[in-house]
Protein backbone atom coordinates (compact mmCIF):
# COMPACT_ATOMS: atom_id res chain seq x y z
CA MET A 1 -10.27 -40.96 1.39
CA ARG A 2 -8.77 -37.45 1.09
CA THR A 3 -10.36 -34.46 2.80
CA SER A 4 -11.49 -31.82 0.30
CA PRO A 5 -9.41 -28.62 0.71
CA ALA A 6 -12.48 -26.51 -0.12
CA LEU A 7 -14.58 -28.28 2.52
CA ARG A 8 -11.70 -28.00 4.97
CA ALA A 9 -11.49 -24.24 4.46
CA ALA A 10 -15.26 -23.88 4.59
CA ALA A 11 -15.47 -25.69 7.90
CA LEU A 12 -12.76 -23.50 9.41
CA ALA A 13 -14.48 -20.38 8.19
CA ALA A 14 -17.88 -21.52 9.32
CA ALA A 15 -17.50 -22.63 12.91
CA VAL A 16 -18.84 -20.25 15.51
CA THR A 17 -18.04 -22.41 18.46
CA VAL A 18 -16.38 -25.78 18.55
CA LEU A 19 -19.23 -28.26 18.39
CA LEU A 20 -18.05 -30.28 21.40
CA PRO A 21 -19.46 -26.05 21.75
CA ILE A 22 -26.73 5.09 11.19
CA THR A 23 -25.85 8.09 9.90
CA ALA A 24 -25.11 8.97 6.27
CA CYS A 25 -22.89 6.48 4.52
CA SER A 26 -19.18 6.94 5.11
CA GLN A 27 -17.25 7.67 1.95
CA SER A 28 -13.64 7.02 1.05
CA GLY A 29 -12.92 10.69 1.59
CA ASP A 30 -14.21 10.80 5.18
CA LYS A 31 -13.64 14.22 6.72
CA GLU A 32 -11.89 14.52 10.02
CA GLY A 33 -13.02 17.03 12.59
CA PRO A 34 -11.47 17.69 16.00
CA ASP A 35 -12.82 14.37 17.25
CA GLY A 36 -12.04 12.43 14.09
CA PRO A 37 -9.59 9.59 13.55
CA LEU A 38 -6.43 11.68 13.53
CA ALA A 39 -7.29 13.21 16.90
CA ALA A 40 -7.97 9.73 18.25
CA ASN A 41 -4.85 8.26 16.72
CA ALA A 42 -2.49 9.99 19.11
CA ALA A 43 -4.19 8.32 22.08
CA GLU A 44 -4.42 5.02 20.21
CA ALA A 45 -0.76 5.10 19.30
CA SER A 46 0.07 5.69 22.96
CA SER A 47 -2.10 2.77 24.06
CA SER A 48 -0.28 0.53 21.57
CA GLY A 49 3.18 1.51 22.74
CA GLY A 50 3.96 3.58 19.63
CA LEU A 51 3.54 0.54 17.36
CA ALA A 52 1.14 2.43 15.05
CA SER A 53 4.14 3.88 13.22
CA GLN A 54 5.71 0.50 12.38
CA LYS A 55 6.32 -0.33 8.72
CA LEU A 56 5.29 -3.69 7.32
CA THR A 57 7.53 -5.74 5.07
CA TRP A 58 5.46 -7.68 2.53
CA LYS A 59 6.92 -10.84 1.00
CA PRO A 60 5.62 -13.77 -1.08
CA CYS A 61 3.51 -16.04 1.14
CA PRO A 62 4.95 -19.38 2.22
CA ALA A 63 2.90 -22.54 2.43
CA PRO A 64 0.57 -22.54 5.45
CA SER A 65 2.14 -23.90 8.61
CA ALA A 66 0.77 -26.97 10.36
CA ALA A 67 -0.96 -24.66 12.86
CA GLN A 68 -2.69 -22.93 9.93
CA GLY A 69 -3.80 -26.23 8.42
CA GLY A 70 -0.91 -27.01 6.07
CA GLY A 71 -1.12 -27.25 2.30
CA LYS A 72 0.55 -25.39 -0.55
CA ALA A 73 1.45 -21.72 -0.90
CA PRO A 74 -1.54 -19.69 -2.16
CA THR A 75 -1.87 -19.35 -5.93
CA PRO A 76 -2.28 -15.90 -7.52
CA LEU A 77 -5.68 -14.39 -8.12
CA PRO A 78 -6.96 -13.70 -11.66
CA GLY A 79 -4.61 -11.33 -13.44
CA ASP A 80 -1.68 -12.94 -11.61
CA THR A 81 -2.18 -10.79 -8.52
CA PRO A 82 0.05 -12.40 -5.89
CA TRP A 83 -0.70 -12.97 -2.25
CA GLU A 84 1.74 -11.17 0.04
CA CYS A 85 2.40 -11.88 3.71
CA SER A 86 3.82 -9.90 6.59
CA PHE A 87 3.88 -9.68 10.39
CA MET A 88 2.63 -6.81 12.58
CA ARG A 89 3.75 -6.32 16.16
CA ALA A 90 1.09 -5.61 18.80
CA PRO A 91 1.25 -5.31 22.59
CA LEU A 92 0.70 -8.62 24.33
CA ASP A 93 -1.11 -6.71 27.08
CA TYR A 94 -2.74 -3.43 26.02
CA ALA A 95 -2.84 -2.40 29.68
CA LYS A 96 0.97 -2.45 29.54
CA PRO A 97 1.74 -1.20 26.02
CA GLY A 98 5.42 -0.78 26.81
CA GLY A 99 5.77 -4.43 27.75
CA GLY A 100 6.13 -7.49 25.58
CA THR A 101 4.75 -7.77 22.05
CA ILE A 102 3.14 -10.43 19.92
CA GLU A 103 3.58 -10.89 16.18
CA LEU A 104 0.39 -11.14 14.12
CA ALA A 105 0.50 -12.81 10.71
CA LEU A 106 -1.13 -10.84 7.85
CA ILE A 107 -1.94 -11.57 4.21
CA ARG A 108 -3.08 -9.29 1.39
CA ALA A 109 -3.90 -9.12 -2.31
CA ARG A 110 -3.62 -5.58 -3.61
CA ALA A 111 -6.47 -3.68 -5.25
CA LYS A 112 -6.82 -3.89 -9.03
CA SER A 113 -6.23 -0.15 -9.39
CA GLN A 114 -4.31 1.77 -6.76
CA ASP A 115 -5.77 5.00 -8.18
CA LYS A 116 -9.30 3.82 -7.30
CA ARG A 117 -8.28 2.17 -4.04
CA ILE A 118 -10.54 3.04 -1.08
CA GLY A 119 -8.44 1.28 1.53
CA SER A 120 -7.82 -2.15 3.01
CA LEU A 121 -10.82 -4.44 3.52
CA ILE A 122 -10.02 -6.60 6.54
CA PHE A 123 -11.64 -10.02 6.81
CA ASN A 124 -12.24 -12.25 9.80
CA PHE A 125 -13.72 -15.62 8.87
CA GLY A 126 -14.80 -16.75 12.30
CA GLY A 127 -14.20 -19.70 14.53
CA PRO A 128 -12.97 -18.19 16.68
CA GLY A 129 -9.78 -19.94 15.70
CA ALA A 130 -9.85 -19.84 11.88
CA SER A 131 -6.62 -18.73 10.22
CA GLY A 132 -7.42 -15.74 8.04
CA VAL A 133 -4.04 -16.11 6.35
CA ALA A 134 -5.00 -19.60 5.17
CA THR A 135 -8.71 -18.97 4.59
CA LEU A 136 -8.73 -15.75 2.55
CA PRO A 137 -6.81 -17.28 -0.39
CA ALA A 138 -9.10 -20.32 -0.30
CA PHE A 139 -12.06 -17.99 -0.87
CA GLY A 140 -10.15 -15.32 -2.78
CA SER A 141 -12.06 -15.75 -6.03
CA ASP A 142 -15.37 -15.27 -4.17
CA TYR A 143 -14.29 -11.82 -3.02
CA ASP A 144 -12.21 -10.79 -6.03
CA LYS A 145 -14.84 -8.28 -7.22
CA LEU A 146 -14.15 -6.25 -4.09
CA ARG A 147 -10.57 -5.66 -5.23
CA ALA A 148 -12.08 -2.99 -7.49
CA GLY A 149 -11.74 -0.75 -4.44
CA TYR A 150 -9.77 -2.55 -1.77
CA ASP A 151 -6.67 -4.42 -0.89
CA LEU A 152 -8.07 -7.69 0.48
CA VAL A 153 -6.47 -8.26 3.88
CA SER A 154 -6.84 -10.92 6.54
CA PHE A 155 -4.87 -12.08 9.55
CA ASP A 156 -4.40 -14.79 12.10
CA PRO A 157 -5.87 -13.35 15.30
CA ARG A 158 -3.69 -13.62 18.39
CA GLY A 159 -3.48 -17.23 19.52
CA VAL A 160 -4.31 -18.52 16.03
CA GLY A 161 -2.04 -20.09 13.42
CA ARG A 162 1.21 -18.14 12.99
CA SER A 163 0.14 -15.44 15.47
CA ASP A 164 1.72 -17.18 18.45
CA GLY A 165 -0.82 -19.97 18.10
CA VAL A 166 -2.08 -21.53 21.32
CA GLU A 167 -0.68 -25.01 21.86
CA CYS A 168 -2.43 -27.64 23.96
CA GLU A 169 -2.31 -31.34 23.16
CA SER A 170 -0.32 -33.41 20.66
CA ASP A 171 -1.82 -34.87 17.50
CA LYS A 172 -1.98 -38.30 19.13
CA GLN A 173 -3.71 -36.86 22.20
CA LEU A 174 -6.21 -35.01 20.00
CA ASP A 175 -7.05 -38.19 18.12
CA ALA A 176 -7.84 -39.80 21.47
CA ARG A 177 -9.79 -36.73 22.60
CA PHE A 178 -12.06 -36.76 19.56
CA GLU A 179 -12.67 -40.47 20.06
CA THR A 180 -13.91 -39.83 23.61
CA ASP A 181 -17.68 -40.16 23.91
CA GLY A 182 -18.98 -36.59 23.60
CA THR A 183 -22.47 -37.59 24.76
CA PRO A 184 -21.82 -39.67 27.91
CA ASP A 185 -24.67 -41.85 29.13
CA THR A 186 -23.18 -43.64 32.15
CA SER A 187 -21.35 -42.39 35.22
CA ALA A 188 -18.12 -43.93 33.92
CA GLU A 189 -18.51 -42.12 30.58
CA VAL A 190 -19.28 -38.84 32.39
CA ASP A 191 -16.16 -39.26 34.53
CA ALA A 192 -14.06 -39.89 31.42
CA PHE A 193 -15.57 -36.85 29.67
CA VAL A 194 -14.90 -34.57 32.66
CA LYS A 195 -11.35 -35.90 33.03
CA ASP A 196 -10.66 -35.35 29.34
CA THR A 197 -11.95 -31.76 29.52
CA LYS A 198 -9.76 -30.94 32.51
CA THR A 199 -6.72 -32.66 31.00
CA PHE A 200 -7.08 -30.53 27.87
CA ALA A 201 -7.29 -27.31 29.93
CA GLN A 202 -4.20 -28.32 31.91
CA ALA A 203 -2.27 -28.99 28.70
CA CYS A 204 -3.21 -25.55 27.36
CA GLU A 205 -2.05 -23.91 30.59
CA LYS A 206 1.22 -25.86 30.56
CA ASN A 207 2.07 -25.08 26.93
CA SER A 208 0.54 -21.60 26.43
CA GLY A 209 -0.30 -20.30 29.90
CA LYS A 210 1.40 -16.90 29.50
CA GLN A 211 -0.71 -15.91 26.50
CA LEU A 212 -4.11 -17.32 27.56
CA PRO A 213 -5.22 -14.14 29.38
CA TYR A 214 -4.60 -12.05 26.24
CA VAL A 215 -6.37 -13.89 23.41
CA GLY A 216 -9.92 -12.61 23.96
CA THR A 217 -12.08 -10.70 21.51
CA THR A 218 -11.41 -7.29 23.07
CA ASP A 219 -7.68 -7.70 22.48
CA ALA A 220 -8.34 -8.85 18.92
CA ALA A 221 -10.51 -5.77 18.31
CA ARG A 222 -7.70 -3.53 19.56
CA ASP A 223 -5.35 -5.38 17.22
CA MET A 224 -7.65 -4.50 14.32
CA ASP A 225 -7.55 -0.83 15.17
CA LEU A 226 -3.77 -0.94 15.35
CA MET A 227 -3.83 -2.77 12.00
CA ARG A 228 -6.02 -0.02 10.54
CA GLN A 229 -3.44 2.58 11.52
CA VAL A 230 -0.45 0.57 10.34
CA LEU A 231 -2.15 -0.03 6.97
CA GLY A 232 -2.70 3.72 6.66
CA ASP A 233 -6.50 3.81 6.74
CA LYS A 234 -8.52 6.59 8.39
CA LYS A 235 -11.41 4.18 8.91
CA LEU A 236 -11.67 0.42 9.37
CA TYR A 237 -13.23 -1.26 6.34
CA TYR A 238 -14.32 -4.67 7.54
CA PHE A 239 -15.98 -7.93 6.45
CA GLY A 240 -16.77 -10.20 9.39
CA ILE A 241 -18.25 -13.67 9.02
CA SER A 242 -19.66 -15.88 11.79
CA TYR A 243 -17.65 -15.16 14.96
CA GLY A 244 -16.12 -12.35 12.91
CA THR A 245 -19.46 -10.54 13.33
CA GLU A 246 -19.03 -10.56 17.10
CA LEU A 247 -15.49 -9.27 16.70
CA GLY A 248 -16.80 -6.55 14.39
CA GLY A 249 -19.49 -5.58 16.89
CA VAL A 250 -16.99 -5.35 19.74
CA TYR A 251 -14.71 -3.24 17.54
CA ALA A 252 -17.60 -0.88 16.73
CA HIS A 253 -18.35 -0.49 20.44
CA LEU A 254 -14.73 0.29 21.31
CA PHE A 255 -13.99 2.53 18.30
CA PRO A 256 -17.31 3.83 16.89
CA LYS A 257 -15.74 6.87 15.24
CA ASN A 258 -13.26 4.67 13.39
CA VAL A 259 -15.89 2.44 11.76
CA GLY A 260 -15.89 2.65 7.98
CA ARG A 261 -17.96 0.56 5.60
CA SER A 262 -18.52 -2.73 7.40
CA VAL A 263 -20.41 -5.94 6.62
CA LEU A 264 -21.39 -8.60 9.17
CA ASP A 265 -22.50 -11.88 7.56
CA ALA A 266 -23.74 -15.05 9.37
CA VAL A 267 -24.39 -13.10 12.51
CA VAL A 268 -23.72 -14.13 16.10
CA ASP A 269 -26.44 -13.01 18.51
CA PRO A 270 -24.61 -10.69 20.92
CA THR A 271 -27.41 -10.85 23.47
CA GLN A 272 -26.95 -14.58 24.12
CA ASN A 273 -24.52 -16.15 26.56
CA ASN A 274 -22.75 -19.42 25.79
CA GLU A 275 -25.61 -21.58 27.03
CA GLN A 276 -28.19 -19.70 24.99
CA SER A 277 -25.93 -19.71 21.94
CA SER A 278 -25.39 -23.48 22.16
CA LEU A 279 -29.13 -24.05 22.52
CA GLY A 280 -29.71 -21.79 19.52
CA GLN A 281 -27.22 -23.84 17.54
CA ALA A 282 -29.04 -27.04 18.47
CA LYS A 283 -32.19 -25.52 16.98
CA GLY A 284 -30.28 -24.17 13.99
CA PHE A 285 -28.63 -27.46 13.10
CA GLN A 286 -31.93 -29.25 13.58
CA LEU A 287 -33.53 -26.80 11.12
CA ALA A 288 -30.74 -27.45 8.61
CA LEU A 289 -31.13 -31.22 9.12
CA ASP A 290 -34.90 -30.90 8.62
CA ASN A 291 -34.27 -29.09 5.33
CA PHE A 292 -31.80 -31.78 4.27
CA THR A 293 -34.12 -34.67 5.12
CA GLN A 294 -37.09 -32.95 3.46
CA ASP A 295 -35.03 -32.50 0.29
CA CYS A 296 -34.15 -36.18 0.44
CA ALA A 297 -37.79 -37.21 0.89
CA ASP A 298 -38.92 -34.92 -1.95
CA ARG A 299 -36.47 -36.61 -4.33
CA GLY A 300 -37.95 -40.04 -3.60
CA ASP A 301 -35.96 -42.93 -5.02
CA GLU A 302 -33.21 -40.54 -6.18
CA CYS A 303 -32.17 -40.16 -2.53
CA LYS A 304 -29.95 -42.95 -1.24
CA LEU A 305 -31.36 -42.77 2.30
CA PRO A 306 -34.35 -44.82 3.47
CA GLY A 307 -37.64 -43.15 4.28
CA SER A 308 -40.52 -41.58 2.39
CA SER A 309 -40.89 -38.55 4.69
CA SER A 310 -38.55 -36.11 6.38
CA LYS A 311 -39.22 -37.73 9.75
CA GLU A 312 -38.51 -41.22 8.44
CA VAL A 313 -35.20 -40.10 6.90
CA GLU A 314 -34.20 -38.47 10.19
CA GLN A 315 -35.15 -41.60 12.11
CA GLY A 316 -32.81 -43.57 9.89
CA ILE A 317 -30.00 -41.17 10.83
CA ALA A 318 -30.87 -41.50 14.52
CA ASP A 319 -30.85 -45.31 14.20
CA LEU A 320 -27.40 -45.20 12.58
CA LEU A 321 -26.02 -43.05 15.39
CA ALA A 322 -27.51 -45.42 17.97
CA LYS A 323 -25.73 -48.36 16.29
CA LEU A 324 -22.44 -46.44 16.30
CA GLU A 325 -22.89 -45.76 20.01
CA LYS A 326 -22.84 -49.50 20.60
CA LYS A 327 -20.27 -50.43 17.98
CA PRO A 328 -18.08 -48.05 15.92
CA ILE A 329 -17.32 -49.00 12.30
CA GLN A 330 -14.28 -48.85 10.04
CA GLY A 331 -13.30 -45.29 9.18
CA LEU A 332 -9.99 -44.19 7.70
CA GLY A 333 -6.95 -46.46 8.05
CA SER A 334 -6.93 -47.85 11.56
CA ARG A 335 -9.32 -45.17 12.82
CA GLN A 336 -12.96 -45.93 13.52
CA LEU A 337 -16.11 -43.88 13.09
CA THR A 338 -17.73 -43.40 16.50
CA GLN A 339 -21.12 -41.90 17.26
CA THR A 340 -19.53 -38.59 18.28
CA LEU A 341 -17.34 -38.36 15.17
CA ALA A 342 -20.32 -39.23 12.97
CA THR A 343 -22.37 -36.45 14.56
CA THR A 344 -19.49 -34.06 13.96
CA GLY A 345 -19.35 -35.15 10.32
CA ILE A 346 -23.08 -34.58 9.89
CA ALA A 347 -22.76 -31.11 11.39
CA ALA A 348 -19.82 -30.27 9.12
CA ALA A 349 -21.83 -31.13 6.00
CA LEU A 350 -24.81 -29.02 7.08
CA TYR A 351 -22.77 -25.80 6.92
CA SER A 352 -23.41 -25.60 3.17
CA LYS A 353 -26.11 -26.92 0.87
CA GLN A 354 -23.30 -27.73 -1.56
CA THR A 355 -22.15 -30.52 0.77
CA TRP A 356 -25.56 -32.13 1.23
CA SER A 357 -24.66 -34.65 -1.47
CA LEU A 358 -21.57 -35.66 0.50
CA LEU A 359 -23.69 -36.04 3.62
CA GLU A 360 -26.16 -38.25 1.79
CA GLN A 361 -23.32 -40.39 0.43
CA GLY A 362 -21.55 -40.55 3.79
CA LEU A 363 -24.67 -41.65 5.65
CA ASP A 364 -25.47 -44.26 3.03
CA GLU A 365 -21.94 -45.68 3.13
CA ALA A 366 -21.86 -45.68 6.95
CA ASP A 367 -25.13 -47.59 7.02
CA GLY A 368 -23.32 -50.20 4.95
CA GLY A 369 -20.35 -50.32 7.34
CA ASN A 370 -17.99 -47.84 5.65
CA GLY A 371 -17.43 -44.74 7.81
CA ALA A 372 -14.61 -43.16 5.77
CA LEU A 373 -16.55 -40.23 4.30
CA LEU A 374 -18.31 -39.23 7.53
CA LEU A 375 -14.96 -39.42 9.34
CA ALA A 376 -13.35 -37.23 6.67
CA LEU A 377 -16.17 -34.71 7.15
CA ALA A 378 -15.57 -34.78 10.91
CA ASP A 379 -11.84 -34.25 10.35
CA SER A 380 -12.61 -31.16 8.28
CA LEU A 381 -14.37 -29.56 11.23
CA ASN A 382 -11.91 -30.79 13.83
CA GLY A 383 -8.92 -29.38 11.94
CA ARG A 384 -7.22 -32.69 11.13
CA SER A 385 -5.20 -32.97 7.93
CA ASP A 386 -4.74 -36.13 5.89
CA ASN A 387 -1.29 -36.66 7.40
CA GLY A 388 -2.69 -36.81 10.93
CA GLN A 389 -1.63 -33.30 11.93
CA TYR A 390 -4.11 -30.94 13.57
CA ASP A 391 -4.11 -27.21 13.07
CA ASN A 392 -4.52 -25.15 16.24
CA SER A 393 -8.13 -24.08 15.55
CA MET A 394 -9.49 -26.32 18.33
CA ALA A 395 -7.04 -24.97 20.90
CA ALA A 396 -7.52 -21.38 19.77
CA ASN A 397 -11.30 -21.69 19.71
CA THR A 398 -11.40 -22.91 23.29
CA ALA A 399 -8.87 -20.33 24.48
CA ILE A 400 -10.73 -17.39 22.90
CA ASN A 401 -14.20 -18.56 23.95
CA CYS A 402 -13.06 -19.17 27.52
CA ALA A 403 -11.23 -15.84 27.70
CA ASP A 404 -14.51 -14.19 26.68
CA SER A 405 -17.24 -16.13 28.49
CA LYS A 406 -17.70 -16.16 32.27
CA GLN A 407 -19.88 -19.27 32.19
CA ARG A 408 -18.48 -22.45 33.75
CA PHE A 409 -20.56 -25.61 34.14
CA THR A 410 -20.24 -28.69 36.31
CA ALA A 411 -21.30 -32.11 35.08
CA ASP A 412 -24.42 -31.98 37.28
CA GLN A 413 -25.39 -28.55 35.94
CA THR A 414 -24.87 -29.76 32.39
CA GLU A 415 -26.98 -32.87 32.87
CA ALA A 416 -29.78 -30.70 34.24
CA LYS A 417 -29.76 -28.72 30.98
CA LEU A 418 -29.88 -31.74 28.67
CA PRO A 419 -33.69 -32.16 28.48
CA GLU A 420 -34.04 -28.68 26.97
CA PHE A 421 -31.29 -29.43 24.45
CA ARG A 422 -32.86 -32.77 23.54
CA SER A 423 -36.17 -31.02 23.01
CA ALA A 424 -34.43 -28.62 20.60
CA SER A 425 -32.79 -31.42 18.60
CA ASN A 426 -33.01 -35.19 18.71
CA ILE A 427 -29.75 -35.51 16.75
CA PHE A 428 -27.64 -32.65 18.12
CA GLY A 429 -29.16 -31.99 21.56
CA ASP A 430 -26.87 -34.11 23.74
CA TYR A 431 -23.91 -33.28 21.51
CA LEU A 432 -24.27 -29.52 21.99
CA GLY A 433 -25.55 -29.78 25.54
CA TRP A 434 -22.35 -31.42 26.75
CA SER A 435 -20.34 -28.75 24.93
CA LEU A 436 -21.34 -26.41 27.78
CA MET A 437 -18.42 -27.89 29.73
CA ALA A 438 -15.79 -26.70 27.22
CA CYS A 439 -14.47 -24.10 29.70
CA THR A 440 -14.67 -26.26 32.83
CA GLY A 441 -11.36 -26.06 34.66
CA TRP A 442 -10.04 -23.31 32.36
CA PRO A 443 -7.20 -21.36 34.04
CA VAL A 444 -8.41 -17.90 32.93
CA LYS A 445 -11.62 -16.19 34.03
CA GLY A 446 -13.95 -14.99 31.29
CA ALA A 447 -14.53 -11.32 30.51
CA TRP A 448 -18.32 -11.16 30.08
CA GLU A 449 -21.68 -12.85 30.08
CA THR A 450 -22.41 -11.24 26.70
CA PRO A 451 -20.38 -8.69 24.70
CA ASP A 452 -21.33 -5.02 24.48
CA VAL A 453 -21.67 -4.05 20.81
CA SER A 454 -23.55 -0.77 21.17
CA ALA A 455 -21.91 1.72 18.82
CA PRO A 456 -23.62 5.13 18.93
CA GLY A 457 -22.20 7.46 16.32
CA ALA A 458 -20.72 4.70 14.14
CA ALA A 459 -21.21 4.62 10.38
CA PRO A 460 -23.80 2.19 8.97
CA ILE A 461 -22.96 -1.48 9.47
CA LEU A 462 -24.67 -3.92 7.11
CA VAL A 463 -25.94 -6.98 9.02
CA ILE A 464 -26.95 -9.99 6.90
CA GLY A 465 -28.96 -12.92 8.23
CA ASN A 466 -29.56 -16.21 6.38
CA THR A 467 -32.93 -17.83 7.16
CA GLY A 468 -31.47 -21.35 6.81
CA ASP A 469 -28.22 -20.82 8.71
CA PRO A 470 -27.50 -23.74 11.08
CA ALA A 471 -24.59 -22.28 13.06
CA THR A 472 -25.73 -18.67 13.52
CA PRO A 473 -29.54 -18.74 13.50
CA TYR A 474 -31.32 -16.04 11.54
CA LYS A 475 -32.73 -14.13 14.52
CA GLY A 476 -29.18 -13.21 15.54
CA ALA A 477 -29.05 -10.68 12.71
CA LYS A 478 -31.92 -8.63 14.14
CA ALA A 479 -30.45 -8.89 17.63
CA MET A 480 -27.10 -7.59 16.36
CA ALA A 481 -28.64 -4.77 14.32
CA ASP A 482 -30.74 -3.67 17.32
CA ALA A 483 -27.79 -3.90 19.71
CA LEU A 484 -25.52 -1.83 17.44
CA GLY A 485 -28.09 0.91 17.75
CA GLU A 486 -30.56 2.95 15.73
CA GLY A 487 -29.02 4.36 12.60
CA VAL A 488 -26.05 1.98 12.84
CA GLY A 489 -27.22 -1.61 12.32
CA VAL A 490 -28.87 -2.11 8.89
CA LYS A 491 -30.48 -5.55 8.67
CA MET A 492 -30.72 -7.46 5.41
CA THR A 493 -32.16 -10.95 4.84
CA TYR A 494 -31.04 -13.78 2.57
CA LYS A 495 -33.60 -16.56 2.17
CA GLY A 496 -31.24 -19.46 1.62
CA GLN A 497 -29.46 -22.45 3.10
CA GLY A 498 -26.05 -22.86 4.67
CA HIS A 499 -23.78 -20.75 6.83
CA GLY A 500 -23.47 -17.23 5.48
CA ALA A 501 -24.96 -15.29 2.58
CA TYR A 502 -22.26 -13.63 0.44
CA ASN A 503 -20.33 -16.87 -0.10
CA SER A 504 -23.51 -18.57 -1.33
CA GLY A 505 -22.95 -16.82 -4.65
CA ASN A 506 -26.40 -15.22 -4.57
CA ALA A 507 -26.34 -12.37 -7.10
CA CYS A 508 -28.68 -10.15 -5.08
CA VAL A 509 -26.60 -10.43 -1.91
CA GLN A 510 -23.36 -9.77 -3.77
CA LYS A 511 -24.86 -6.78 -5.59
CA GLU A 512 -26.06 -5.16 -2.34
CA VAL A 513 -22.80 -5.84 -0.50
CA GLY A 514 -20.71 -4.63 -3.42
CA GLY A 515 -22.86 -1.52 -3.79
CA TYR A 516 -22.19 -0.61 -0.18
CA LEU A 517 -18.52 -1.49 0.11
CA LEU A 518 -17.50 -0.12 -3.29
CA ASP A 519 -19.95 2.73 -3.89
CA GLY A 520 -21.13 3.62 -0.39
CA LYS A 521 -24.80 2.84 -1.17
CA VAL A 522 -26.38 1.57 2.04
CA PRO A 523 -29.12 -1.00 1.29
CA ALA A 524 -32.55 -0.12 2.57
CA ALA A 525 -33.19 -1.65 5.97
CA GLY A 526 -35.22 -4.83 5.55
CA THR A 527 -33.89 -5.64 2.07
CA VAL A 528 -34.60 -9.29 1.19
CA CYS A 529 -32.63 -11.44 -1.25
CA LYS A 530 -33.83 -14.85 -2.44
């Protein structure tokens, strides 16, 4: 069973946390007063050790590295527009800009007409931990319309992929880690879970300890402003998805006067800490599962899963997971499908309505003793390639989340939280509840309880919420728009399924986003697309 490259890329782009965890529209000719970007650039160049004047050398892109997920070199876009890659140097520690540097991997596809070019549209696809260099080409055709005004640009954030990717455990160790029971029921299982968590943190410190303090979201936001200057843009034009919305909000807070046309899609709630976010995800994935099981029940005999109602279909899934808890089944090769890996596979398929058919097939086959498809789905979210190699998305996700969040939980504290998680989701409650311990024993203290994204004076930022989003629940969009501030956050709603709105292909969403990014037409607050 081969993992679908499209599903693999979608899972990387979708994950918010590892499931273990306005003023008038800015135009392309923005005027610069005494406090405008050029006045700020002198200070910014100083804080980046003079690196704002560096020149990038663009070359044909190689095949993605193992840390980026592997695969073949990206194919040209329509019209034979090639993908080009480069590296940008940034300070490792912005508090010491004259010290050591880090190289950040970049990718771009140039605008269709340089005469009509507005600037560079920078993408972050989320995770944190997703390689933008690998993901942007995978979704390039979805965003090709935006090349009418922009070079499409993405990057591997610090600690990700080719940007000095965080290294923790070996492929063999990661296989063993993902086979560990992620929902321990006995004291022995809890001890094994805690030991595994601490062992992983120790491996990260041993292999990447020097960079762990400098991979947080604030540093990544500063990298984006340096990138803006190096690319020659007066403003940052930005498209953030999933965790990329949090990064975009933090950028807006730090550099409000440098915000250009920006879109935040599949929005992280900036008012929630890690515990609240994980609980929100439990509810979000339960909602997505409810929609999946209701669709199955509505199709009657056409659905392969047993049950005549949504609740009966879900009970069948719960029964399957209970059987896997007692006895795993054959998966891929010598690997078995455990309860935890099956739950991961179910979660992976709920990121998009397009993969519901795979979920239905995988559950049906697993009920018959064949766990290959559900295991392949789990691999897509865990970052495991067909050849047994893992990308570094798991390591980077943990490193970035733990550099950001102050929250640290003991096993006793986690167990005390489980009833609330179970109440939120019968299927995902324990799974996401135990993910609270992801930063236990982490060698770096977190920066915040919640990020500050207030951005008074920034240009309008379009904030899109999807009512059926499992990973970033819909209410996060309003929370982000409110937190950005009056006149800055412009909330828009997509009534759909899956993680994100623009990549759903919905014509209304794409028209509104394109109208803003390309023509500067800010959608009316409260716009709804169906």
